[in-house]
């Protein structure tokens, strides 16, 4: 087993130790702080952009070929290769 495998296993174990209640608390606290600092509409804007970023990250950055296809749709094919 190499060093990266042991680090990945450690991160996975740390994630499993976090309870859903603690994760919910952190998310709720973050949303409440954003609401107080920026107001309701700016909060919705931040959450919408965060959701879009999460979707793009999950959809396109997991698979290198899907990411290349996205870049080819946006820019002329082969421009950045």
Protein backbone atom coordinates (compact mmCIF):
# COMPACT_ATOMS: atom_id res chain seq x y z
CA UNK A 1 0.00 0.00 0.00
CA UNK A 2 1.42 3.36 -0.93
CA UNK A 3 1.24 6.67 0.89
CA UNK A 4 -1.74 8.02 -1.12
CA UNK A 5 -3.90 4.97 -0.36
CA UNK A 6 -3.34 5.36 3.37
CA UNK A 7 -4.16 9.09 3.18
CA UNK A 8 -7.37 8.35 1.26
CA UNK A 9 -8.35 5.75 3.83
CA UNK A 10 -7.72 8.26 6.64
CA UNK A 11 -9.90 10.90 4.95
CA UNK A 12 -12.67 8.34 4.40
CA UNK A 13 -12.53 7.31 8.07
CA UNK A 14 -12.68 10.96 9.18
CA UNK A 15 -15.75 11.55 7.00
CA UNK A 16 -17.48 8.52 8.48
CA UNK A 17 -16.87 9.81 12.00
CA UNK A 18 -18.77 13.03 11.30
CA UNK A 19 -22.36 12.48 12.28
CA UNK A 20 -25.18 13.69 10.03
CA UNK A 21 -26.27 15.97 12.87
CA UNK A 22 -22.90 17.70 12.95
CA UNK A 23 -22.87 18.10 9.18
CA UNK A 24 -26.41 19.53 9.29
CA UNK A 25 -25.38 21.91 12.06
CA UNK A 26 -22.40 23.18 10.03
CA UNK A 27 -24.53 23.66 6.90
CA UNK A 28 -27.28 25.41 8.87
CA UNK A 29 -24.83 27.67 10.65
CA UNK A 30 -23.16 28.58 7.35
CA UNK A 31 -26.50 29.46 5.75
CA UNK A 32 -27.55 31.51 8.78
CA UNK A 33 -24.29 33.46 8.77
CA UNK A 34 -24.56 34.13 5.05
CA UNK A 35 -28.14 35.32 5.53
CA UNK A 36 -27.14 37.71 8.32
CA UNK A 37 -24.13 39.02 6.42
CA UNK A 38 -25.61 39.37 2.93
CA UNK A 39 -29.40 39.31 3.20
CA UNK A 40 -31.95 36.93 1.70
CA UNK A 41 -31.61 37.62 -2.05
CA UNK A 42 -27.83 37.62 -2.03
CA UNK A 43 -27.97 34.39 -0.02
CA UNK A 44 -30.17 32.80 -2.70
CA UNK A 45 -27.75 33.99 -5.37
CA UNK A 46 -24.76 32.50 -3.52
CA UNK A 47 -26.60 29.21 -2.98
CA UNK A 48 -27.65 29.04 -6.64
CA UNK A 49 -24.08 29.59 -7.83
CA UNK A 50 -22.79 27.06 -5.31
CA UNK A 51 -25.33 24.50 -6.50
CA UNK A 52 -24.40 25.14 -10.13
CA UNK A 53 -20.73 24.75 -9.26
CA UNK A 54 -21.42 21.49 -7.44
CA UNK A 55 -23.41 20.14 -10.39
CA UNK A 56 -20.70 21.08 -12.88
CA UNK A 57 -18.04 19.58 -10.65
CA UNK A 58 -19.86 16.29 -10.24
CA UNK A 59 -21.00 16.08 -13.85
CA UNK A 60 -17.90 17.17 -15.73
CA UNK A 61 -14.81 16.97 -13.54
CA UNK A 62 -15.15 13.30 -12.58
CA UNK A 63 -14.69 12.14 -16.16
CA UNK A 64 -11.85 13.67 -18.19
CA UNK A 65 -13.58 12.91 -21.49
CA UNK A 66 -16.77 14.67 -20.41
CA UNK A 67 -14.72 17.70 -19.39
CA UNK A 68 -12.95 17.74 -22.76
CA UNK A 69 -16.32 17.56 -24.53
CA UNK A 70 -17.57 20.51 -22.45
CA UNK A 71 -14.49 22.58 -23.32
CA UNK A 72 -14.93 21.66 -27.01
CA UNK A 73 -18.56 22.88 -26.85
CA UNK A 74 -17.51 26.20 -25.34
CA UNK A 75 -14.31 26.82 -27.36
CA UNK A 76 -13.29 25.66 -30.85
CA UNK A 77 -12.16 22.01 -30.79
CA UNK A 78 -8.49 21.51 -30.06
CA UNK A 79 -7.92 25.09 -28.93
CA UNK A 80 -6.63 24.09 -25.49
CA UNK A 81 -4.95 20.77 -26.26
